[in-house]
Amino acid sequence: MPPEKGRDILLGLQSDPSVPRPDVDEEWVDVDAGEWGTVRTRIIRPKGATGSLPVMFYIHGAGWVFGDDKTHDRLFRELAVGANAAGFFPVEQDLGLEVDPAALLVHQREDRRHAAADRLAGDGDA
């Protein structure tokens, strides 16, 4: 199956308007990855959450061949809200650049992002 067709199918499955998406507060940041440039990262928190939250990284492998931030939107929201965590979801296209820069962001900016770097969990798919 061509990647474009797979993406279209996955987006259709994940975009069902009859399935509600949890409300969240979100921001997009560019994480400095040194010589590799930047890694675009989406940060999602449960709507109205305050204080320092546990941190959850979701790393999608396979270079986002099937899927992107749109196809995984509902999942990202459900994970962050269900875990009452600040979800960090790197969407860099180059496989292998996701983990270290995103972890560095949490370490460097945990106070600003209200992310508890000492309460960190990882998740993902490939």
PDB file of N, CA and C in Angstrom:
ATOM      1  N   MET A   1       0.845  -1.165   0.000  1.00  0.00           N
ATOM      2  CA  MET A   1       0.000   0.000   0.000  1.00  0.00           C
ATOM      3  C   MET A   1       0.897   1.236   0.000  1.00  0.00           C
ATOM      4  N   PRO A   2       0.626   2.177  -0.872  1.00  0.00           N
ATOM      5  CA  PRO A   2       1.410   3.417  -0.873  1.00  0.00           C
ATOM      6  C   PRO A   2       1.218   4.177   0.442  1.00  0.00           C
ATOM      7  N   PRO A   3       2.265   4.839   0.918  1.00  0.00           N
ATOM      8  CA  PRO A   3       2.148   5.581   2.182  1.00  0.00           C
ATOM      9  C   PRO A   3       0.990   6.577   2.201  1.00  0.00           C
ATOM     10  N   GLU A   4       0.744   7.248   1.081  1.00  0.00           N
ATOM     11  CA  GLU A   4      -0.329   8.244   1.041  1.00  0.00           C
ATOM     12  C   GLU A   4      -1.686   7.604   1.331  1.00  0.00           C
ATOM     13  N   LYS A   5      -1.915   6.418   0.755  1.00  0.00           N
ATOM     14  CA  LYS A   5      -3.186   5.728   0.980  1.00  0.00           C
ATOM     15  C   LYS A   5      -3.307   5.296   2.441  1.00  0.00           C
ATOM     16  N   GLY A   6      -2.210   4.784   2.999  1.00  0.00           N
ATOM     17  CA  GLY A   6      -2.215   4.390   4.407  1.00  0.00           C
ATOM     18  C   GLY A   6      -2.511   5.561   5.320  1.00  0.00           C
ATOM     19  N   ARG A   7      -1.928   6.704   5.017  1.00  0.00           N
ATOM     20  CA  ARG A   7      -2.177   7.908   5.822  1.00  0.00           C
ATOM     21  C   ARG A   7      -3.646   8.317   5.753  1.00  0.00           C
ATOM     22  N   ASP A   8      -4.208   8.285   4.546  1.00  0.00           N
ATOM     23  CA  ASP A   8      -5.613   8.660   4.380  1.00  0.00           C
ATOM     24  C   ASP A   8      -6.536   7.725   5.158  1.00  0.00           C
ATOM     25  N   ILE A   9      -6.254   6.424   5.104  1.00  0.00           N
ATOM     26  CA  ILE A   9      -7.077   5.450   5.827  1.00  0.00           C
ATOM     27  C   ILE A   9      -6.982   5.692   7.328  1.00  0.00           C
ATOM     28  N   LEU A  10      -5.766   5.851   7.831  1.00  0.00           N
ATOM     29  CA  LEU A  10      -5.570   6.069   9.261  1.00  0.00           C
ATOM     30  C   LEU A  10      -6.244   7.358   9.721  1.00  0.00           C
ATOM     31  N   LEU A  11      -6.116   8.417   8.953  1.00  0.00           N
ATOM     32  CA  LEU A  11      -6.750   9.682   9.322  1.00  0.00           C
ATOM     33  C   LEU A  11      -8.270   9.526   9.373  1.00  0.00           C
ATOM     34  N   GLY A  12      -8.831   8.818   8.405  1.00  0.00           N
ATOM     35  CA  GLY A  12     -10.273   8.588   8.397  1.00  0.00           C
ATOM     36  C   GLY A  12     -10.742   7.824   9.625  1.00  0.00           C
ATOM     37  N   LEU A  13      -9.979   6.813  10.017  1.00  0.00           N
ATOM     38  CA  LEU A  13     -10.336   6.026  11.195  1.00  0.00           C
ATOM     39  C   LEU A  13     -10.260   6.848  12.477  1.00  0.00           C
ATOM     40  N   GLN A  14      -9.303   7.740  12.555  1.00  0.00           N
ATOM     41  CA  GLN A  14      -9.085   8.516  13.780  1.00  0.00           C
ATOM     42  C   GLN A  14      -9.877   9.812  13.834  1.00  0.00           C
ATOM     43  N   SER A  15     -10.567  10.153  12.770  1.00  0.00           N
ATOM     44  CA  SER A  15     -11.262  11.444  12.702  1.00  0.00           C
ATOM     45  C   SER A  15     -12.767  11.346  12.885  1.00  0.00           C
ATOM     46  N   ASP A  16     -13.264  10.233  13.381  1.00  0.00           N
ATOM     47  CA  ASP A  16     -14.699  10.041  13.555  1.00  0.00           C
ATOM     48  C   ASP A  16     -15.251  11.101  14.515  1.00  0.00           C
ATOM     49  N   PRO A  17     -16.089  12.016  14.019  1.00  0.00           N
ATOM     50  CA  PRO A  17     -16.590  13.095  14.879  1.00  0.00           C
ATOM     51  C   PRO A  17     -17.542  12.607  15.971  1.00  0.00           C
ATOM     52  N   SER A  18     -18.044  11.376  15.868  1.00  0.00           N
ATOM     53  CA  SER A  18     -18.953  10.874  16.902  1.00  0.00           C
ATOM     54  C   SER A  18     -18.203  10.438  18.161  1.00  0.00           C
ATOM     55  N   VAL A  19     -16.883  10.338  18.081  1.00  0.00           N
ATOM     56  CA  VAL A  19     -16.077   9.979  19.250  1.00  0.00           C
ATOM     57  C   VAL A  19     -15.463  11.267  19.795  1.00  0.00           C
ATOM     58  N   PRO A  20     -15.852  11.659  21.006  1.00  0.00           N
ATOM     59  CA  PRO A  20     -15.357  12.932  21.546  1.00  0.00           C
ATOM     60  C   PRO A  20     -13.862  12.896  21.842  1.00  0.00           C
ATOM     61  N   ARG A  21     -13.249  14.054  21.715  1.00  0.00           N
ATOM     62  CA  ARG A  21     -11.834  14.219  22.055  1.00  0.00           C
ATOM     63  C   ARG A  21     -11.761  14.996  23.364  1.00  0.00           C
ATOM     64  N   PRO A  22     -10.958  14.529  24.311  1.00  0.00           N
ATOM     65  CA  PRO A  22     -10.839  15.265  25.573  1.00  0.00           C
ATOM     66  C   PRO A  22     -10.330  16.687  25.347  1.00  0.00           C
ATOM     67  N   ASP A  23     -10.833  17.610  26.155  1.00  0.00           N
ATOM     68  CA  ASP A  23     -10.358  18.997  26.102  1.00  0.00           C
ATOM     69  C   ASP A  23      -8.980  19.081  26.733  1.00  0.00           C
ATOM     70  N   VAL A  24      -8.097  19.823  26.088  1.00  0.00           N
ATOM     71  CA  VAL A  24      -6.726  19.969  26.578  1.00  0.00           C
ATOM     72  C   VAL A  24      -6.248  21.398  26.362  1.00  0.00           C
ATOM     73  N   ASP A  25      -5.210  21.750  27.087  1.00  0.00           N
ATOM     74  CA  ASP A  25      -4.439  22.952  26.794  1.00  0.00           C
ATOM     75  C   ASP A  25      -3.199  22.461  26.069  1.00  0.00           C
ATOM     76  N   GLU A  26      -2.807  23.140  25.007  1.00  0.00           N
ATOM     77  CA  GLU A  26      -1.642  22.671  24.267  1.00  0.00           C
ATOM     78  C   GLU A  26      -0.784  23.824  23.793  1.00  0.00           C
ATOM     79  N   GLU A  27       0.452  23.496  23.522  1.00  0.00           N
ATOM     80  CA  GLU A  27       1.376  24.445  22.906  1.00  0.00           C
ATOM     81  C   GLU A  27       2.338  23.651  22.031  1.00  0.00           C
ATOM     82  N   TRP A  28       2.894  24.331  21.070  1.00  0.00           N
ATOM     83  CA  TRP A  28       3.903  23.761  20.186  1.00  0.00           C
ATOM     84  C   TRP A  28       5.218  24.479  20.456  1.00  0.00           C
ATOM     85  N   VAL A  29       6.293  23.713  20.578  1.00  0.00           N
ATOM     86  CA  VAL A  29       7.614  24.303  20.791  1.00  0.00           C
ATOM     87  C   VAL A  29       8.603  23.647  19.841  1.00  0.00           C
ATOM     88  N   ASP A  30       9.627  24.384  19.477  1.00  0.00           N
ATOM     89  CA  ASP A  30      10.733  23.839  18.699  1.00  0.00           C
ATOM     90  C   ASP A  30      11.875  23.571  19.666  1.00  0.00           C
ATOM     91  N   VAL A  31      12.260  22.305  19.772  1.00  0.00           N
ATOM     92  CA  VAL A  31      13.325  21.902  20.683  1.00  0.00           C
ATOM     93  C   VAL A  31      14.643  21.901  19.925  1.00  0.00           C
ATOM     94  N   ASP A  32      15.629  22.598  20.457  1.00  0.00           N
ATOM     95  CA  ASP A  32      16.949  22.657  19.834  1.00  0.00           C
ATOM     96  C   ASP A  32      17.604  21.286  19.899  1.00  0.00           C
ATOM     97  N   ALA A  33      17.895  20.712  18.744  1.00  0.00           N
ATOM     98  CA  ALA A  33      18.545  19.403  18.664  1.00  0.00           C
ATOM     99  C   ALA A  33      19.984  19.540  18.181  1.00  0.00           C
ATOM    100  N   GLY A  34      20.576  20.684  18.451  1.00  0.00           N
ATOM    101  CA  GLY A  34      21.980  20.892  18.101  1.00  0.00           C
ATOM    102  C   GLY A  34      22.204  20.822  16.605  1.00  0.00           C
ATOM    103  N   GLU A  35      23.175  20.027  16.206  1.00  0.00           N
ATOM    104  CA  GLU A  35      23.548  19.945  14.792  1.00  0.00           C
ATOM    105  C   GLU A  35      22.432  19.411  13.898  1.00  0.00           C
ATOM    106  N   TRP A  36      21.402  18.780  14.473  1.00  0.00           N
ATOM    107  CA  TRP A  36      20.307  18.230  13.675  1.00  0.00           C
ATOM    108  C   TRP A  36      19.182  19.228  13.462  1.00  0.00           C
ATOM    109  N   GLY A  37      19.304  20.403  14.013  1.00  0.00           N
ATOM    110  CA  GLY A  37      18.250  21.399  13.835  1.00  0.00           C
ATOM    111  C   GLY A  37      17.299  21.407  15.012  1.00  0.00           C
ATOM    112  N   THR A  38      16.010  21.471  14.723  1.00  0.00           N
ATOM    113  CA  THR A  38      15.005  21.501  15.780  1.00  0.00           C
ATOM    114  C   THR A  38      14.034  20.349  15.627  1.00  0.00           C
ATOM    115  N   VAL A  39      13.412  19.986  16.731  1.00  0.00           N
ATOM    116  CA  VAL A  39      12.383  18.952  16.736  1.00  0.00           C
ATOM    117  C   VAL A  39      11.082  19.618  17.175  1.00  0.00           C
ATOM    118  N   ARG A  40      10.112  19.638  16.298  1.00  0.00           N
ATOM    119  CA  ARG A  40       8.803  20.223  16.601  1.00  0.00           C
ATOM    120  C   ARG A  40       8.115  19.319  17.615  1.00  0.00           C
ATOM    121  N   THR A  41       7.687  19.874  18.737  1.00  0.00           N
ATOM    122  CA  THR A  41       7.110  19.078  19.813  1.00  0.00           C
ATOM    123  C   THR A  41       5.807  19.707  20.283  1.00  0.00           C
ATOM    124  N   ARG A  42       4.806  18.870  20.426  1.00  0.00           N
ATOM    125  CA  ARG A  42       3.498  19.296  20.914  1.00  0.00           C
ATOM    126  C   ARG A  42       3.409  18.931  22.397  1.00  0.00           C
ATOM    127  N   ILE A  43       3.012  19.886  23.211  1.00  0.00           N
ATOM    128  CA  ILE A  43       2.858  19.639  24.640  1.00  0.00           C
ATOM    129  C   ILE A  43       1.376  19.782  24.976  1.00  0.00           C
ATOM    130  N   ILE A  44       0.813  18.737  25.561  1.00  0.00           N
ATOM    131  CA  ILE A  44      -0.607  18.709  25.899  1.00  0.00           C
ATOM    132  C   ILE A  44      -0.757  18.485  27.398  1.00  0.00           C
ATOM    133  N   ARG A  45      -1.635  19.272  28.004  1.00  0.00           N
ATOM    134  CA  ARG A  45      -1.965  19.115  29.424  1.00  0.00           C
ATOM    135  C   ARG A  45      -3.487  19.024  29.541  1.00  0.00           C
ATOM    136  N   PRO A  46      -3.986  18.308  30.547  1.00  0.00           N
ATOM    137  CA  PRO A  46      -5.433  18.314  30.756  1.00  0.00           C
ATOM    138  C   PRO A  46      -5.935  19.760  30.880  1.00  0.00           C
ATOM    139  N   LYS A  47      -7.077  20.042  30.304  1.00  0.00           N
ATOM    140  CA  LYS A  47      -7.637  21.398  30.298  1.00  0.00           C
ATOM    141  C   LYS A  47      -7.703  21.961  31.713  1.00  0.00           C
ATOM    142  N   GLY A  48      -7.087  23.134  31.898  1.00  0.00           N
ATOM    143  CA  GLY A  48      -7.128  23.818  33.177  1.00  0.00           C
ATOM    144  C   GLY A  48      -6.216  23.250  34.252  1.00  0.00           C
ATOM    145  N   ALA A  49      -5.404  22.243  33.910  1.00  0.00           N
ATOM    146  CA  ALA A  49      -4.510  21.648  34.915  1.00  0.00           C
ATOM    147  C   ALA A  49      -3.516  22.691  35.407  1.00  0.00           C
ATOM    148  N   THR A  50      -3.257  22.652  36.693  1.00  0.00           N
ATOM    149  CA  THR A  50      -2.302  23.581  37.285  1.00  0.00           C
ATOM    150  C   THR A  50      -1.242  22.801  38.041  1.00  0.00           C
ATOM    151  N   GLY A  51      -0.170  23.468  38.342  1.00  0.00           N
ATOM    152  CA  GLY A  51       0.900  22.834  39.104  1.00  0.00           C
ATOM    153  C   GLY A  51       1.751  21.925  38.247  1.00  0.00           C
ATOM    154  N   SER A  52       2.663  21.268  38.910  1.00  0.00           N
ATOM    155  CA  SER A  52       3.611  20.383  38.236  1.00  0.00           C
ATOM    156  C   SER A  52       2.973  19.021  38.002  1.00  0.00           C
ATOM    157  N   LEU A  53       2.976  18.574  36.765  1.00  0.00           N
ATOM    158  CA  LEU A  53       2.376  17.287  36.407  1.00  0.00           C
ATOM    159  C   LEU A  53       3.456  16.277  36.046  1.00  0.00           C
ATOM    160  N   PRO A  54       3.150  14.984  36.194  1.00  0.00           N
ATOM    161  CA  PRO A  54       4.066  13.975  35.664  1.00  0.00           C
ATOM    162  C   PRO A  54       4.242  14.203  34.163  1.00  0.00           C
ATOM    163  N   VAL A  55       5.341  13.719  33.625  1.00  0.00           N
ATOM    164  CA  VAL A  55       5.654  13.907  32.209  1.00  0.00           C
ATOM    165  C   VAL A  55       5.528  12.581  31.478  1.00  0.00           C
ATOM    166  N   MET A  56       4.912  12.618  30.316  1.00  0.00           N
ATOM    167  CA  MET A  56       4.795  11.436  29.485  1.00  0.00           C
ATOM    168  C   MET A  56       5.307  11.773  28.085  1.00  0.00           C
ATOM    169  N   PHE A  57       6.273  10.988  27.622  1.00  0.00           N
ATOM    170  CA  PHE A  57       6.741  11.119  26.240  1.00  0.00           C
ATOM    171  C   PHE A  57       6.052  10.058  25.408  1.00  0.00           C
ATOM    172  N   TYR A  58       5.565  10.447  24.250  1.00  0.00           N
ATOM    173  CA  TYR A  58       5.027   9.476  23.304  1.00  0.00           C
ATOM    174  C   TYR A  58       5.878   9.580  22.050  1.00  0.00           C
ATOM    175  N   ILE A  59       6.570   8.514  21.743  1.00  0.00           N
ATOM    176  CA  ILE A  59       7.471   8.512  20.596  1.00  0.00           C
ATOM    177  C   ILE A  59       6.887   7.603  19.525  1.00  0.00           C
ATOM    178  N   HIS A  60       6.631   8.163  18.369  1.00  0.00           N
ATOM    179  CA  HIS A  60       6.115   7.390  17.239  1.00  0.00           C
ATOM    180  C   HIS A  60       7.275   7.057  16.317  1.00  0.00           C
ATOM    181  N   GLY A  61       7.505   5.788  16.103  1.00  0.00           N
ATOM    182  CA  GLY A  61       8.600   5.361  15.236  1.00  0.00           C
ATOM    183  C   GLY A  61       8.207   5.375  13.775  1.00  0.00           C
ATOM    184  N   ALA A  62       9.044   4.795  12.980  1.00  0.00           N
ATOM    185  CA  ALA A  62       8.827   4.642  11.541  1.00  0.00           C
ATOM    186  C   ALA A  62       8.794   5.970  10.803  1.00  0.00           C
ATOM    187  N   GLY A  63       9.349   7.003  11.401  1.00  0.00           N
ATOM    188  CA  GLY A  63       9.446   8.288  10.708  1.00  0.00           C
ATOM    189  C   GLY A  63       8.112   8.863  10.286  1.00  0.00           C
ATOM    190  N   TRP A  64       7.053   8.500  11.004  1.00  0.00           N
ATOM    191  CA  TRP A  64       5.711   8.978  10.695  1.00  0.00           C
ATOM    192  C   TRP A  64       5.280   8.621   9.271  1.00  0.00           C
ATOM    193  N   VAL A  65       5.667   7.425   8.802  1.00  0.00           N
ATOM    194  CA  VAL A  65       5.235   6.997   7.472  1.00  0.00           C
ATOM    195  C   VAL A  65       3.716   6.899   7.436  1.00  0.00           C
ATOM    196  N   PHE A  66       3.143   6.184   8.407  1.00  0.00           N
ATOM    197  CA  PHE A  66       1.683   6.132   8.549  1.00  0.00           C
ATOM    198  C   PHE A  66       1.338   6.886   9.822  1.00  0.00           C
ATOM    199  N   GLY A  67       0.817   8.051   9.670  1.00  0.00           N
ATOM    200  CA  GLY A  67       0.391   8.806  10.832  1.00  0.00           C
ATOM    201  C   GLY A  67       1.157  10.094  10.987  1.00  0.00           C
ATOM    202  N   ASP A  68       0.549  10.998  11.727  1.00  0.00           N
ATOM    203  CA  ASP A  68       1.159  12.286  12.037  1.00  0.00           C
ATOM    204  C   ASP A  68       0.449  12.839  13.264  1.00  0.00           C
ATOM    205  N   ASP A  69       0.684  14.085  13.579  1.00  0.00           N
ATOM    206  CA  ASP A  69       0.045  14.659  14.759  1.00  0.00           C
ATOM    207  C   ASP A  69      -1.474  14.700  14.621  1.00  0.00           C
ATOM    208  N   LYS A  70      -1.997  14.718  13.412  1.00  0.00           N
ATOM    209  CA  LYS A  70      -3.448  14.734  13.220  1.00  0.00           C
ATOM    210  C   LYS A  70      -4.055  13.348  13.451  1.00  0.00           C
ATOM    211  N   THR A  71      -3.421  12.300  12.918  1.00  0.00           N
ATOM    212  CA  THR A  71      -3.961  10.953  13.100  1.00  0.00           C
ATOM    213  C   THR A  71      -3.842  10.492  14.547  1.00  0.00           C
ATOM    214  N   HIS A  72      -2.890  11.042  15.284  1.00  0.00           N
ATOM    215  CA  HIS A  72      -2.678  10.638  16.672  1.00  0.00           C
ATOM    216  C   HIS A  72      -3.264  11.640  17.675  1.00  0.00           C
ATOM    217  N   ASP A  73      -3.988  12.646  17.196  1.00  0.00           N
ATOM    218  CA  ASP A  73      -4.509  13.695  18.073  1.00  0.00           C
ATOM    219  C   ASP A  73      -5.368  13.134  19.203  1.00  0.00           C
ATOM    220  N   ARG A  74      -6.344  12.307  18.867  1.00  0.00           N
ATOM    221  CA  ARG A  74      -7.232  11.768  19.904  1.00  0.00           C
ATOM    222  C   ARG A  74      -6.439  10.949  20.912  1.00  0.00           C
ATOM    223  N   LEU A  75      -5.532  10.107  20.432  1.00  0.00           N
ATOM    224  CA  LEU A  75      -4.711   9.289  21.324  1.00  0.00           C
ATOM    225  C   LEU A  75      -3.875  10.164  22.252  1.00  0.00           C
ATOM    226  N   PHE A  76      -3.211  11.188  21.707  1.00  0.00           N
ATOM    227  CA  PHE A  76      -2.404  12.086  22.530  1.00  0.00           C
ATOM    228  C   PHE A  76      -3.255  12.703  23.645  1.00  0.00           C
ATOM    229  N   ARG A  77      -4.429  13.175  23.274  1.00  0.00           N
ATOM    230  CA  ARG A  77      -5.314  13.806  24.252  1.00  0.00           C
ATOM    231  C   ARG A  77      -5.747  12.809  25.330  1.00  0.00           C
ATOM    232  N   GLU A  78      -6.156  11.617  24.904  1.00  0.00           N
ATOM    233  CA  GLU A  78      -6.613  10.606  25.858  1.00  0.00           C
ATOM    234  C   GLU A  78      -5.499  10.197  26.815  1.00  0.00           C
ATOM    235  N   LEU A  79      -4.287  10.061  26.308  1.00  0.00           N
ATOM    236  CA  LEU A  79      -3.167   9.691  27.173  1.00  0.00           C
ATOM    237  C   LEU A  79      -2.876  10.775  28.207  1.00  0.00           C
ATOM    238  N   ALA A  80      -2.792  12.014  27.771  1.00  0.00           N
ATOM    239  CA  ALA A  80      -2.472  13.105  28.698  1.00  0.00           C
ATOM    240  C   ALA A  80      -3.566  13.281  29.747  1.00  0.00           C
ATOM    241  N   VAL A  81      -4.815  13.275  29.319  1.00  0.00           N
ATOM    242  CA  VAL A  81      -5.924  13.464  30.254  1.00  0.00           C
ATOM    243  C   VAL A  81      -6.071  12.244  31.164  1.00  0.00           C
ATOM    244  N   GLY A  82      -5.999  11.047  30.588  1.00  0.00           N
ATOM    245  CA  GLY A  82      -6.154   9.826  31.381  1.00  0.00           C
ATOM    246  C   GLY A  82      -5.075   9.647  32.430  1.00  0.00           C
ATOM    247  N   ALA A  83      -3.866  10.097  32.125  1.00  0.00           N
ATOM    248  CA  ALA A  83      -2.747   9.971  33.063  1.00  0.00           C
ATOM    249  C   ALA A  83      -2.579  11.223  33.920  1.00  0.00           C
ATOM    250  N   ASN A  84      -3.403  12.250  33.680  1.00  0.00           N
ATOM    251  CA  ASN A  84      -3.241  13.550  34.332  1.00  0.00           C
ATOM    252  C   ASN A  84      -1.777  13.977  34.267  1.00  0.00           C
ATOM    253  N   ALA A  85      -1.268  13.991  33.052  1.00  0.00           N
ATOM    254  CA  ALA A  85       0.151  14.262  32.821  1.00  0.00           C
ATOM    255  C   ALA A  85       0.324  15.330  31.756  1.00  0.00           C
ATOM    256  N   ALA A  86       1.519  15.894  31.732  1.00  0.00           N
ATOM    257  CA  ALA A  86       1.919  16.764  30.637  1.00  0.00           C
ATOM    258  C   ALA A  86       2.482  15.844  29.563  1.00  0.00           C
ATOM    259  N   GLY A  87       1.824  15.775  28.436  1.00  0.00           N
ATOM    260  CA  GLY A  87       2.269  14.897  27.364  1.00  0.00           C
ATOM    261  C   GLY A  87       3.151  15.629  26.384  1.00  0.00           C
ATOM    262  N   PHE A  88       4.327  15.092  26.134  1.00  0.00           N
ATOM    263  CA  PHE A  88       5.268  15.639  25.159  1.00  0.00           C
ATOM    264  C   PHE A  88       5.251  14.710  23.955  1.00  0.00           C
ATOM    265  N   PHE A  89       4.873  15.227  22.796  1.00  0.00           N
ATOM    266  CA  PHE A  89       4.709  14.418  21.606  1.00  0.00           C
ATOM    267  C   PHE A  89       5.540  14.986  20.465  1.00  0.00           C
ATOM    268  N   PRO A  90       6.807  14.576  20.357  1.00  0.00           N
ATOM    269  CA  PRO A  90       7.644  15.063  19.255  1.00  0.00           C
ATOM    270  C   PRO A  90       7.080  14.582  17.924  1.00  0.00           C
ATOM    271  N   VAL A  91       7.067  15.441  16.925  1.00  0.00           N
ATOM    272  CA  VAL A  91       6.552  15.065  15.618  1.00  0.00           C
ATOM    273  C   VAL A  91       7.611  15.231  14.539  1.00  0.00           C
ATOM    274  N   GLU A  92       8.858  15.120  14.925  1.00  0.00           N
ATOM    275  CA  GLU A  92       9.971  15.206  13.972  1.00  0.00           C
ATOM    276  C   GLU A  92       9.862  14.078  12.952  1.00  0.00           C
ATOM    277  N   GLN A  93      10.138  14.376  11.717  1.00  0.00           N
ATOM    278  CA  GLN A  93      10.050  13.385  10.650  1.00  0.00           C
ATOM    279  C   GLN A  93      11.241  12.438  10.599  1.00  0.00           C
ATOM    280  N   ASP A  94      12.383  12.836  11.121  1.00  0.00           N
ATOM    281  CA  ASP A  94      13.576  11.997  11.030  1.00  0.00           C
ATOM    282  C   ASP A  94      13.651  11.041  12.202  1.00  0.00           C
ATOM    283  N   LEU A  95      13.518   9.751  11.912  1.00  0.00           N
ATOM    284  CA  LEU A  95      13.563   8.724  12.941  1.00  0.00           C
ATOM    285  C   LEU A  95      14.845   8.842  13.748  1.00  0.00           C
ATOM    286  N   GLY A  96      14.711   8.767  15.047  1.00  0.00           N
ATOM    287  CA  GLY A  96      15.874   8.759  15.911  1.00  0.00           C
ATOM    288  C   GLY A  96      16.165  10.080  16.578  1.00  0.00           C
ATOM    289  N   LEU A  97      15.570  11.154  16.139  1.00  0.00           N
ATOM    290  CA  LEU A  97      15.847  12.459  16.734  1.00  0.00           C
ATOM    291  C   LEU A  97      14.852  12.827  17.830  1.00  0.00           C
ATOM    292  N   GLU A  98      13.841  11.992  18.044  1.00  0.00           N
ATOM    293  CA  GLU A  98      12.752  12.391  18.916  1.00  0.00           C
ATOM    294  C   GLU A  98      13.105  12.398  20.392  1.00  0.00           C
ATOM    295  N   VAL A  99      13.766  11.388  20.881  1.00  0.00           N
ATOM    296  CA  VAL A  99      13.857  11.174  22.319  1.00  0.00           C
ATOM    297  C   VAL A  99      14.742  12.178  23.036  1.00  0.00           C
ATOM    298  N   ASP A 100      16.006  12.290  22.669  1.00  0.00           N
ATOM    299  CA  ASP A 100      16.939  13.108  23.437  1.00  0.00           C
ATOM    300  C   ASP A 100      16.561  14.580  23.485  1.00  0.00           C
ATOM    301  N   PRO A 101      16.248  15.240  22.369  1.00  0.00           N
ATOM    302  CA  PRO A 101      15.891  16.660  22.462  1.00  0.00           C
ATOM    303  C   PRO A 101      14.642  16.902  23.304  1.00  0.00           C
ATOM    304  N   ALA A 102      13.656  16.023  23.219  1.00  0.00           N
ATOM    305  CA  ALA A 102      12.447  16.216  24.015  1.00  0.00           C
ATOM    306  C   ALA A 102      12.747  16.057  25.497  1.00  0.00           C
ATOM    307  N   ALA A 103      13.569  15.091  25.849  1.00  0.00           N
ATOM    308  CA  ALA A 103      13.960  14.917  27.248  1.00  0.00           C
ATOM    309  C   ALA A 103      14.748  16.126  27.731  1.00  0.00           C
ATOM    310  N   LEU A 104      15.577  16.659  26.874  1.00  0.00           N
ATOM    311  CA  LEU A 104      16.351  17.851  27.219  1.00  0.00           C
ATOM    312  C   LEU A 104      15.423  19.030  27.503  1.00  0.00           C
ATOM    313  N   LEU A 105      14.367  19.166  26.719  1.00  0.00           N
ATOM    314  CA  LEU A 105      13.404  20.238  26.938  1.00  0.00           C
ATOM    315  C   LEU A 105      12.806  20.149  28.335  1.00  0.00           C
ATOM    316  N   VAL A 106      12.405  18.957  28.748  1.00  0.00           N
ATOM    317  CA  VAL A 106      11.824  18.794  30.078  1.00  0.00           C
ATOM    318  C   VAL A 106      12.839  19.169  31.140  1.00  0.00           C
ATOM    319  N   HIS A 107      14.052  18.697  30.984  1.00  0.00           N
ATOM    320  CA  HIS A 107      15.090  18.974  31.973  1.00  0.00           C
ATOM    321  C   HIS A 107      15.383  20.476  32.072  1.00  0.00           C
ATOM    322  N   GLN A 108      15.498  21.134  30.935  1.00  0.00           N
ATOM    323  CA  GLN A 108      15.871  22.545  30.931  1.00  0.00           C
ATOM    324  C   GLN A 108      14.745  23.479  31.351  1.00  0.00           C
ATOM    325  N   ARG A 109      13.513  23.084  31.091  1.00  0.00           N
ATOM    326  CA  ARG A 109      12.400  24.015  31.275  1.00  0.00           C
ATOM    327  C   ARG A 109      11.297  23.470  32.166  1.00  0.00           C
ATOM    328  N   GLU A 110      11.622  22.568  33.070  1.00  0.00           N
ATOM    329  CA  GLU A 110      10.549  21.939  33.831  1.00  0.00           C
ATOM    330  C   GLU A 110       9.736  22.942  34.645  1.00  0.00           C
ATOM    331  N   ASP A 111      10.360  23.986  35.184  1.00  0.00           N
ATOM    332  CA  ASP A 111       9.604  24.964  35.960  1.00  0.00           C
ATOM    333  C   ASP A 111       8.630  25.736  35.070  1.00  0.00           C
ATOM    334  N   ARG A 112       9.092  26.145  33.907  1.00  0.00           N
ATOM    335  CA  ARG A 112       8.256  26.928  32.996  1.00  0.00           C
ATOM    336  C   ARG A 112       7.092  26.103  32.450  1.00  0.00           C
ATOM    337  N   ARG A 113       7.322  24.847  32.191  1.00  0.00           N
ATOM    338  CA  ARG A 113       6.303  23.974  31.608  1.00  0.00           C
ATOM    339  C   ARG A 113       5.479  23.260  32.678  1.00  0.00           C
ATOM    340  N   HIS A 114       5.793  23.470  33.935  1.00  0.00           N
ATOM    341  CA  HIS A 114       5.110  22.777  35.029  1.00  0.00           C
ATOM    342  C   HIS A 114       5.159  21.269  34.831  1.00  0.00           C
ATOM    343  N   ALA A 115       6.318  20.798  34.450  1.00  0.00           N
ATOM    344  CA  ALA A 115       6.532  19.373  34.204  1.00  0.00           C
ATOM    345  C   ALA A 115       7.467  18.826  35.269  1.00  0.00           C
ATOM    346  N   ALA A 116       7.077  17.748  35.897  1.00  0.00           N
ATOM    347  CA  ALA A 116       7.883  17.139  36.949  1.00  0.00           C
ATOM    348  C   ALA A 116       8.856  16.149  36.320  1.00  0.00           C
ATOM    349  N   ALA A 117      10.077  16.597  36.081  1.00  0.00           N
ATOM    350  CA  ALA A 117      11.069  15.754  35.411  1.00  0.00           C
ATOM    351  C   ALA A 117      11.430  14.523  36.228  1.00  0.00           C
ATOM    352  N   ASP A 118      11.122  14.530  37.523  1.00  0.00           N
ATOM    353  CA  ASP A 118      11.407  13.351  38.341  1.00  0.00           C
ATOM    354  C   ASP A 118      10.275  12.328  38.282  1.00  0.00           C
ATOM    355  N   ARG A 119       9.208  12.652  37.562  1.00  0.00           N
ATOM    356  CA  ARG A 119       8.094  11.715  37.344  1.00  0.00           C
ATOM    357  C   ARG A 119       7.887  11.602  35.836  1.00  0.00           C
ATOM    358  N   LEU A 120       8.628  10.709  35.221  1.00  0.00           N
ATOM    359  CA  LEU A 120       8.714  10.626  33.768  1.00  0.00           C
ATOM    360  C   LEU A 120       8.362   9.221  33.294  1.00  0.00           C
ATOM    361  N   ALA A 121       7.524   9.124  32.273  1.00  0.00           N
ATOM    362  CA  ALA A 121       7.173   7.835  31.679  1.00  0.00           C
ATOM    363  C   ALA A 121       7.252   7.964  30.167  1.00  0.00           C
ATOM    364  N   GLY A 122       7.526   6.864  29.510  1.00  0.00           N
ATOM    365  CA  GLY A 122       7.593   6.847  28.055  1.00  0.00           C
ATOM    366  C   GLY A 122       6.588   5.879  27.476  1.00  0.00           C
ATOM    367  N   ASP A 123       6.158   6.156  26.265  1.00  0.00           N
ATOM    368  CA  ASP A 123       5.209   5.311  25.556  1.00  0.00           C
ATOM    369  C   ASP A 123       5.458   5.527  24.071  1.00  0.00           C
ATOM    370  N   GLY A 124       4.876   4.703  23.245  1.00  0.00           N
ATOM    371  CA  GLY A 124       5.036   4.917  21.822  1.00  0.00           C
ATOM    372  C   GLY A 124       4.557   3.758  20.987  1.00  0.00           C
ATOM    373  N   ASP A 125       4.769   3.876  19.708  1.00  0.00           N
ATOM    374  CA  ASP A 125       4.447   2.812  18.763  1.00  0.00           C
ATOM    375  C   ASP A 125       5.435   2.870  17.613  1.00  0.00           C
ATOM    376  N   ALA A 126       5.359   1.888  16.763  1.00  0.00           N
ATOM    377  CA  ALA A 126       6.259   1.849  15.604  1.00  0.00           C
ATOM    378  C   ALA A 126       5.512   1.319  14.400  1.00  0.00           C
TER     379      ALA A 126
END
